[in-house]
Amino acid sequence: MPVIVDPSHGTGKRSLINPMSKASIAAGADGLMIEVHPCPECALSDGEESLTFQQFANLMEELKNVIEICGRTF
């Protein structure tokens, strides 16, 4: 069965989403669920655990390296 990790709700903190995402992929997760919002400070819910579009794009670039190191494909 595929394993999907939710680092947004799992940590509840924007600052922990990147390291948890990388650790999850390195541990073998098949996918991630990450909250993204154009203005997290204005979100009606879960703003503290949401990335901006630019933060999400940066994370995806960083994850490509982790995925490659783990011998997997993006």
PDB file of N, CA and C in Angstrom:
ATOM      1  N   MET A   1       0.829  -1.170   0.000  1.00  0.00           N
ATOM      2  CA  MET A   1       0.000   0.000   0.000  1.00  0.00           C
ATOM      3  C   MET A   1       0.884   1.249   0.000  1.00  0.00           C
ATOM      4  N   PRO A   2       0.512   2.249  -0.762  1.00  0.00           N
ATOM      5  CA  PRO A   2       1.268   3.503  -0.757  1.00  0.00           C
ATOM      6  C   PRO A   2       1.170   4.204   0.597  1.00  0.00           C
ATOM      7  N   VAL A   3       2.240   4.866   0.953  1.00  0.00           N
ATOM      8  CA  VAL A   3       2.286   5.640   2.204  1.00  0.00           C
ATOM      9  C   VAL A   3       2.324   7.117   1.843  1.00  0.00           C
ATOM     10  N   ILE A   4       1.346   7.865   2.355  1.00  0.00           N
ATOM     11  CA  ILE A   4       1.270   9.303   2.126  1.00  0.00           C
ATOM     12  C   ILE A   4       1.438   9.994   3.483  1.00  0.00           C
ATOM     13  N   VAL A   5       2.322  10.973   3.552  1.00  0.00           N
ATOM     14  CA  VAL A   5       2.601  11.684   4.802  1.00  0.00           C
ATOM     15  C   VAL A   5       2.055  13.107   4.693  1.00  0.00           C
ATOM     16  N   ASP A   6       1.517  13.596   5.795  1.00  0.00           N
ATOM     17  CA  ASP A   6       0.965  14.947   5.859  1.00  0.00           C
ATOM     18  C   ASP A   6       1.813  15.780   6.826  1.00  0.00           C
ATOM     19  N   PRO A   7       2.934  16.351   6.322  1.00  0.00           N
ATOM     20  CA  PRO A   7       3.801  17.120   7.213  1.00  0.00           C
ATOM     21  C   PRO A   7       3.171  18.429   7.695  1.00  0.00           C
ATOM     22  N   SER A   8       2.160  18.913   7.004  1.00  0.00           N
ATOM     23  CA  SER A   8       1.490  20.141   7.451  1.00  0.00           C
ATOM     24  C   SER A   8       0.733  19.891   8.754  1.00  0.00           C
ATOM     25  N   HIS A   9      -0.191  18.940   8.724  1.00  0.00           N
ATOM     26  CA  HIS A   9      -0.955  18.629   9.934  1.00  0.00           C
ATOM     27  C   HIS A   9      -0.127  17.831  10.938  1.00  0.00           C
ATOM     28  N   GLY A  10       0.799  17.043  10.438  1.00  0.00           N
ATOM     29  CA  GLY A  10       1.620  16.214  11.321  1.00  0.00           C
ATOM     30  C   GLY A  10       2.491  17.032  12.259  1.00  0.00           C
ATOM     31  N   THR A  11       2.927  18.204  11.789  1.00  0.00           N
ATOM     32  CA  THR A  11       3.776  19.047  12.631  1.00  0.00           C
ATOM     33  C   THR A  11       3.029  20.265  13.156  1.00  0.00           C
ATOM     34  N   GLY A  12       2.087  20.782  12.368  1.00  0.00           N
ATOM     35  CA  GLY A  12       1.337  21.969  12.764  1.00  0.00           C
ATOM     36  C   GLY A  12       2.115  23.260  12.682  1.00  0.00           C
ATOM     37  N   LYS A  13       3.340  23.183  12.131  1.00  0.00           N
ATOM     38  CA  LYS A  13       4.192  24.380  12.060  1.00  0.00           C
ATOM     39  C   LYS A  13       4.844  24.479  10.688  1.00  0.00           C
ATOM     40  N   ARG A  14       4.702  25.631  10.091  1.00  0.00           N
ATOM     41  CA  ARG A  14       5.282  25.876   8.763  1.00  0.00           C
ATOM     42  C   ARG A  14       6.783  25.582   8.743  1.00  0.00           C
ATOM     43  N   SER A  15       7.469  25.953   9.800  1.00  0.00           N
ATOM     44  CA  SER A  15       8.933  25.793   9.836  1.00  0.00           C
ATOM     45  C   SER A  15       9.378  24.334   9.833  1.00  0.00           C
ATOM     46  N   LEU A  16       8.479  23.423  10.142  1.00  0.00           N
ATOM     47  CA  LEU A  16       8.839  21.997  10.200  1.00  0.00           C
ATOM     48  C   LEU A  16       8.422  21.216   8.959  1.00  0.00           C
ATOM     49  N   ILE A  17       7.705  21.863   8.053  1.00  0.00           N
ATOM     50  CA  ILE A  17       7.215  21.147   6.876  1.00  0.00           C
ATOM     51  C   ILE A  17       8.369  20.675   5.994  1.00  0.00           C
ATOM     52  N   ASN A  18       9.350  21.532   5.723  1.00  0.00           N
ATOM     53  CA  ASN A  18      10.468  21.134   4.861  1.00  0.00           C
ATOM     54  C   ASN A  18      11.262  19.960   5.439  1.00  0.00           C
ATOM     55  N   PRO A  19      11.735  20.039   6.681  1.00  0.00           N
ATOM     56  CA  PRO A  19      12.509  18.900   7.183  1.00  0.00           C
ATOM     57  C   PRO A  19      11.677  17.622   7.299  1.00  0.00           C
ATOM     58  N   MET A  20      10.408  17.735   7.663  1.00  0.00           N
ATOM     59  CA  MET A  20       9.569  16.541   7.770  1.00  0.00           C
ATOM     60  C   MET A  20       9.297  15.943   6.389  1.00  0.00           C
ATOM     61  N   SER A  21       9.135  16.790   5.398  1.00  0.00           N
ATOM     62  CA  SER A  21       8.920  16.301   4.037  1.00  0.00           C
ATOM     63  C   SER A  21      10.140  15.531   3.545  1.00  0.00           C
ATOM     64  N   LYS A  22      11.305  16.100   3.753  1.00  0.00           N
ATOM     65  CA  LYS A  22      12.545  15.442   3.323  1.00  0.00           C
ATOM     66  C   LYS A  22      12.754  14.126   4.065  1.00  0.00           C
ATOM     67  N   ALA A  23      12.520  14.127   5.362  1.00  0.00           N
ATOM     68  CA  ALA A  23      12.678  12.899   6.150  1.00  0.00           C
ATOM     69  C   ALA A  23      11.677  11.846   5.708  1.00  0.00           C
ATOM     70  N   SER A  24      10.470  12.257   5.399  1.00  0.00           N
ATOM     71  CA  SER A  24       9.438  11.315   4.973  1.00  0.00           C
ATOM     72  C   SER A  24       9.815  10.643   3.659  1.00  0.00           C
ATOM     73  N   ILE A  25      10.287  11.437   2.711  1.00  0.00           N
ATOM     74  CA  ILE A  25      10.708  10.873   1.425  1.00  0.00           C
ATOM     75  C   ILE A  25      11.901   9.943   1.627  1.00  0.00           C
ATOM     76  N   ALA A  26      12.865  10.360   2.435  1.00  0.00           N
ATOM     77  CA  ALA A  26      14.046   9.529   2.700  1.00  0.00           C
ATOM     78  C   ALA A  26      13.662   8.215   3.384  1.00  0.00           C
ATOM     79  N   ALA A  27      12.597   8.242   4.175  1.00  0.00           N
ATOM     80  CA  ALA A  27      12.150   7.034   4.878  1.00  0.00           C
ATOM     81  C   ALA A  27      11.298   6.131   3.988  1.00  0.00           C
ATOM     82  N   GLY A  28      10.985   6.597   2.768  1.00  0.00           N
ATOM     83  CA  GLY A  28      10.263   5.742   1.836  1.00  0.00           C
ATOM     84  C   GLY A  28       8.835   6.132   1.526  1.00  0.00           C
ATOM     85  N   ALA A  29       8.391   7.285   1.988  1.00  0.00           N
ATOM     86  CA  ALA A  29       7.022   7.715   1.696  1.00  0.00           C
ATOM     87  C   ALA A  29       6.812   7.826   0.188  1.00  0.00           C
ATOM     88  N   ASP A  30       5.614   7.492  -0.238  1.00  0.00           N
ATOM     89  CA  ASP A  30       5.272   7.541  -1.657  1.00  0.00           C
ATOM     90  C   ASP A  30       4.705   8.895  -2.077  1.00  0.00           C
ATOM     91  N   GLY A  31       4.272   9.690  -1.118  1.00  0.00           N
ATOM     92  CA  GLY A  31       3.695  10.981  -1.445  1.00  0.00           C
ATOM     93  C   GLY A  31       3.555  11.855  -0.223  1.00  0.00           C
ATOM     94  N   LEU A  32       3.263  13.123  -0.467  1.00  0.00           N
ATOM     95  CA  LEU A  32       3.096  14.107   0.600  1.00  0.00           C
ATOM     96  C   LEU A  32       1.810  14.895   0.373  1.00  0.00           C
ATOM     97  N   MET A  33       1.152  15.273   1.456  1.00  0.00           N
ATOM     98  CA  MET A  33       0.026  16.209   1.398  1.00  0.00           C
ATOM     99  C   MET A  33       0.482  17.458   2.123  1.00  0.00           C
ATOM    100  N   ILE A  34       0.580  18.553   1.398  1.00  0.00           N
ATOM    101  CA  ILE A  34       1.095  19.790   1.978  1.00  0.00           C
ATOM    102  C   ILE A  34       0.103  20.914   1.725  1.00  0.00           C
ATOM    103  N   GLU A  35      -0.253  21.611   2.781  1.00  0.00           N
ATOM    104  CA  GLU A  35      -1.178  22.734   2.654  1.00  0.00           C
ATOM    105  C   GLU A  35      -0.446  23.924   2.054  1.00  0.00           C
ATOM    106  N   VAL A  36      -1.085  24.546   1.051  1.00  0.00           N
ATOM    107  CA  VAL A  36      -0.522  25.705   0.374  1.00  0.00           C
ATOM    108  C   VAL A  36      -1.621  26.760   0.296  1.00  0.00           C
ATOM    109  N   HIS A  37      -1.243  27.998   0.556  1.00  0.00           N
ATOM    110  CA  HIS A  37      -2.218  29.097   0.538  1.00  0.00           C
ATOM    111  C   HIS A  37      -1.507  30.347   0.038  1.00  0.00           C
ATOM    112  N   PRO A  38      -2.180  31.189  -0.777  1.00  0.00           N
ATOM    113  CA  PRO A  38      -1.518  32.389  -1.289  1.00  0.00           C
ATOM    114  C   PRO A  38      -1.134  33.372  -0.186  1.00  0.00           C
ATOM    115  N   CYS A  39      -1.849  33.354   0.926  1.00  0.00           N
ATOM    116  CA  CYS A  39      -1.551  34.250   2.047  1.00  0.00           C
ATOM    117  C   CYS A  39      -1.901  33.514   3.347  1.00  0.00           C
ATOM    118  N   PRO A  40      -0.995  32.661   3.834  1.00  0.00           N
ATOM    119  CA  PRO A  40      -1.302  31.855   5.019  1.00  0.00           C
ATOM    120  C   PRO A  40      -1.774  32.660   6.223  1.00  0.00           C
ATOM    121  N   GLU A  41      -1.287  33.893   6.360  1.00  0.00           N
ATOM    122  CA  GLU A  41      -1.683  34.719   7.496  1.00  0.00           C
ATOM    123  C   GLU A  41      -3.172  35.070   7.443  1.00  0.00           C
ATOM    124  N   CYS A  42      -3.762  35.015   6.247  1.00  0.00           N
ATOM    125  CA  CYS A  42      -5.189  35.348   6.066  1.00  0.00           C
ATOM    126  C   CYS A  42      -6.066  34.103   5.943  1.00  0.00           C
ATOM    127  N   ALA A  43      -5.474  32.926   6.015  1.00  0.00           N
ATOM    128  CA  ALA A  43      -6.245  31.690   5.851  1.00  0.00           C
ATOM    129  C   ALA A  43      -7.275  31.555   6.968  1.00  0.00           C
ATOM    130  N   LEU A  44      -8.446  31.060   6.611  1.00  0.00           N
ATOM    131  CA  LEU A  44      -9.500  30.869   7.603  1.00  0.00           C
ATOM    132  C   LEU A  44      -9.188  29.721   8.551  1.00  0.00           C
ATOM    133  N   SER A  45      -8.364  28.772   8.072  1.00  0.00           N
ATOM    134  CA  SER A  45      -7.924  27.686   8.949  1.00  0.00           C
ATOM    135  C   SER A  45      -6.559  27.200   8.488  1.00  0.00           C
ATOM    136  N   ASP A  46      -5.820  26.644   9.395  1.00  0.00           N
ATOM    137  CA  ASP A  46      -4.528  25.999   9.123  1.00  0.00           C
ATOM    138  C   ASP A  46      -3.466  26.926   8.535  1.00  0.00           C
ATOM    139  N   GLY A  47      -3.574  28.222   8.742  1.00  0.00           N
ATOM    140  CA  GLY A  47      -2.582  29.151   8.215  1.00  0.00           C
ATOM    141  C   GLY A  47      -1.190  28.913   8.773  1.00  0.00           C
ATOM    142  N   GLU A  48      -1.116  28.512  10.035  1.00  0.00           N
ATOM    143  CA  GLU A  48       0.189  28.279  10.669  1.00  0.00           C
ATOM    144  C   GLU A  48       0.924  27.083  10.073  1.00  0.00           C
ATOM    145  N   GLU A  49       0.178  26.226   9.392  1.00  0.00           N
ATOM    146  CA  GLU A  49       0.799  25.024   8.827  1.00  0.00           C
ATOM    147  C   GLU A  49       0.682  24.999   7.305  1.00  0.00           C
ATOM    148  N   SER A  50       0.583  26.187   6.710  1.00  0.00           N
ATOM    149  CA  SER A  50       0.492  26.301   5.257  1.00  0.00           C
ATOM    150  C   SER A  50       1.715  27.011   4.701  1.00  0.00           C
ATOM    151  N   LEU A  51       2.148  26.572   3.520  1.00  0.00           N
ATOM    152  CA  LEU A  51       3.238  27.224   2.802  1.00  0.00           C
ATOM    153  C   LEU A  51       2.653  28.198   1.787  1.00  0.00           C
ATOM    154  N   THR A  52       3.429  29.219   1.442  1.00  0.00           N
ATOM    155  CA  THR A  52       3.054  30.076   0.328  1.00  0.00           C
ATOM    156  C   THR A  52       3.374  29.324  -0.967  1.00  0.00           C
ATOM    157  N   PHE A  53       2.895  29.829  -2.085  1.00  0.00           N
ATOM    158  CA  PHE A  53       3.189  29.180  -3.362  1.00  0.00           C
ATOM    159  C   PHE A  53       4.701  29.131  -3.611  1.00  0.00           C
ATOM    160  N   GLN A  54       5.400  30.215  -3.293  1.00  0.00           N
ATOM    161  CA  GLN A  54       6.847  30.249  -3.510  1.00  0.00           C
ATOM    162  C   GLN A  54       7.571  29.272  -2.587  1.00  0.00           C
ATOM    163  N   GLN A  55       7.152  29.189  -1.336  1.00  0.00           N
ATOM    164  CA  GLN A  55       7.759  28.226  -0.402  1.00  0.00           C
ATOM    165  C   GLN A  55       7.550  26.790  -0.892  1.00  0.00           C
ATOM    166  N   PHE A  56       6.354  26.536  -1.431  1.00  0.00           N
ATOM    167  CA  PHE A  56       6.063  25.199  -1.958  1.00  0.00           C
ATOM    168  C   PHE A  56       6.950  24.889  -3.161  1.00  0.00           C
ATOM    169  N   ALA A  57       7.094  25.852  -4.063  1.00  0.00           N
ATOM    170  CA  ALA A  57       7.950  25.655  -5.238  1.00  0.00           C
ATOM    171  C   ALA A  57       9.396  25.393  -4.819  1.00  0.00           C
ATOM    172  N   ASN A  58       9.876  26.136  -3.823  1.00  0.00           N
ATOM    173  CA  ASN A  58      11.242  25.917  -3.321  1.00  0.00           C
ATOM    174  C   ASN A  58      11.385  24.526  -2.717  1.00  0.00           C
ATOM    175  N   LEU A  59      10.387  24.099  -1.950  1.00  0.00           N
ATOM    176  CA  LEU A  59      10.436  22.768  -1.349  1.00  0.00           C
ATOM    177  C   LEU A  59      10.490  21.694  -2.428  1.00  0.00           C
ATOM    178  N   MET A  60       9.692  21.846  -3.487  1.00  0.00           N
ATOM    179  CA  MET A  60       9.695  20.846  -4.554  1.00  0.00           C
ATOM    180  C   MET A  60      11.070  20.735  -5.205  1.00  0.00           C
ATOM    181  N   GLU A  61      11.730  21.872  -5.377  1.00  0.00           N
ATOM    182  CA  GLU A  61      13.093  21.845  -5.938  1.00  0.00           C
ATOM    183  C   GLU A  61      14.046  21.104  -5.000  1.00  0.00           C
ATOM    184  N   GLU A  62      13.934  21.372  -3.697  1.00  0.00           N
ATOM    185  CA  GLU A  62      14.794  20.704  -2.720  1.00  0.00           C
ATOM    186  C   GLU A  62      14.497  19.207  -2.650  1.00  0.00           C
ATOM    187  N   LEU A  63      13.236  18.845  -2.789  1.00  0.00           N
ATOM    188  CA  LEU A  63      12.857  17.433  -2.709  1.00  0.00           C
ATOM    189  C   LEU A  63      13.390  16.634  -3.894  1.00  0.00           C
ATOM    190  N   LYS A  64      13.554  17.287  -5.026  1.00  0.00           N
ATOM    191  CA  LYS A  64      14.108  16.576  -6.192  1.00  0.00           C
ATOM    192  C   LYS A  64      15.456  15.966  -5.840  1.00  0.00           C
ATOM    193  N   ASN A  65      16.283  16.692  -5.103  1.00  0.00           N
ATOM    194  CA  ASN A  65      17.597  16.176  -4.708  1.00  0.00           C
ATOM    195  C   ASN A  65      17.466  14.978  -3.771  1.00  0.00           C
ATOM    196  N   VAL A  66      16.571  15.072  -2.810  1.00  0.00           N
ATOM    197  CA  VAL A  66      16.368  13.960  -1.863  1.00  0.00           C
ATOM    198  C   VAL A  66      15.877  12.723  -2.605  1.00  0.00           C
ATOM    199  N   ILE A  67      14.937  12.927  -3.507  1.00  0.00           N
ATOM    200  CA  ILE A  67      14.382  11.812  -4.278  1.00  0.00           C
ATOM    201  C   ILE A  67      15.474  11.156  -5.109  1.00  0.00           C
ATOM    202  N   GLU A  68      16.303  11.959  -5.733  1.00  0.00           N
ATOM    203  CA  GLU A  68      17.395  11.427  -6.558  1.00  0.00           C
ATOM    204  C   GLU A  68      18.399  10.653  -5.716  1.00  0.00           C
ATOM    205  N   ILE A  69      18.771  11.201  -4.570  1.00  0.00           N
ATOM    206  CA  ILE A  69      19.731  10.541  -3.681  1.00  0.00           C
ATOM    207  C   ILE A  69      19.192   9.183  -3.226  1.00  0.00           C
ATOM    208  N   CYS A  70      17.881   9.113  -3.040  1.00  0.00           N
ATOM    209  CA  CYS A  70      17.243   7.869  -2.586  1.00  0.00           C
ATOM    210  C   CYS A  70      17.034   6.882  -3.733  1.00  0.00           C
ATOM    211  N   GLY A  71      17.447   7.255  -4.931  1.00  0.00           N
ATOM    212  CA  GLY A  71      17.326   6.357  -6.071  1.00  0.00           C
ATOM    213  C   GLY A  71      15.904   6.205  -6.586  1.00  0.00           C
ATOM    214  N   ARG A  72      15.103   7.236  -6.379  1.00  0.00           N
ATOM    215  CA  ARG A  72      13.708   7.200  -6.805  1.00  0.00           C
ATOM    216  C   ARG A  72      13.495   8.253  -7.880  1.00  0.00           C
ATOM    217  N   THR A  73      12.314   8.286  -8.465  1.00  0.00           N
ATOM    218  CA  THR A  73      12.006   9.266  -9.499  1.00  0.00           C
ATOM    219  C   THR A  73      10.957  10.230  -9.016  1.00  0.00           C
ATOM    220  N   PHE A  74      10.985  11.416  -9.586  1.00  0.00           N
ATOM    221  CA  PHE A  74      10.065  12.490  -9.201  1.00  0.00           C
ATOM    222  C   PHE A  74       8.842  12.438 -10.101  1.00  0.00           C
TER     223      PHE A  74
END
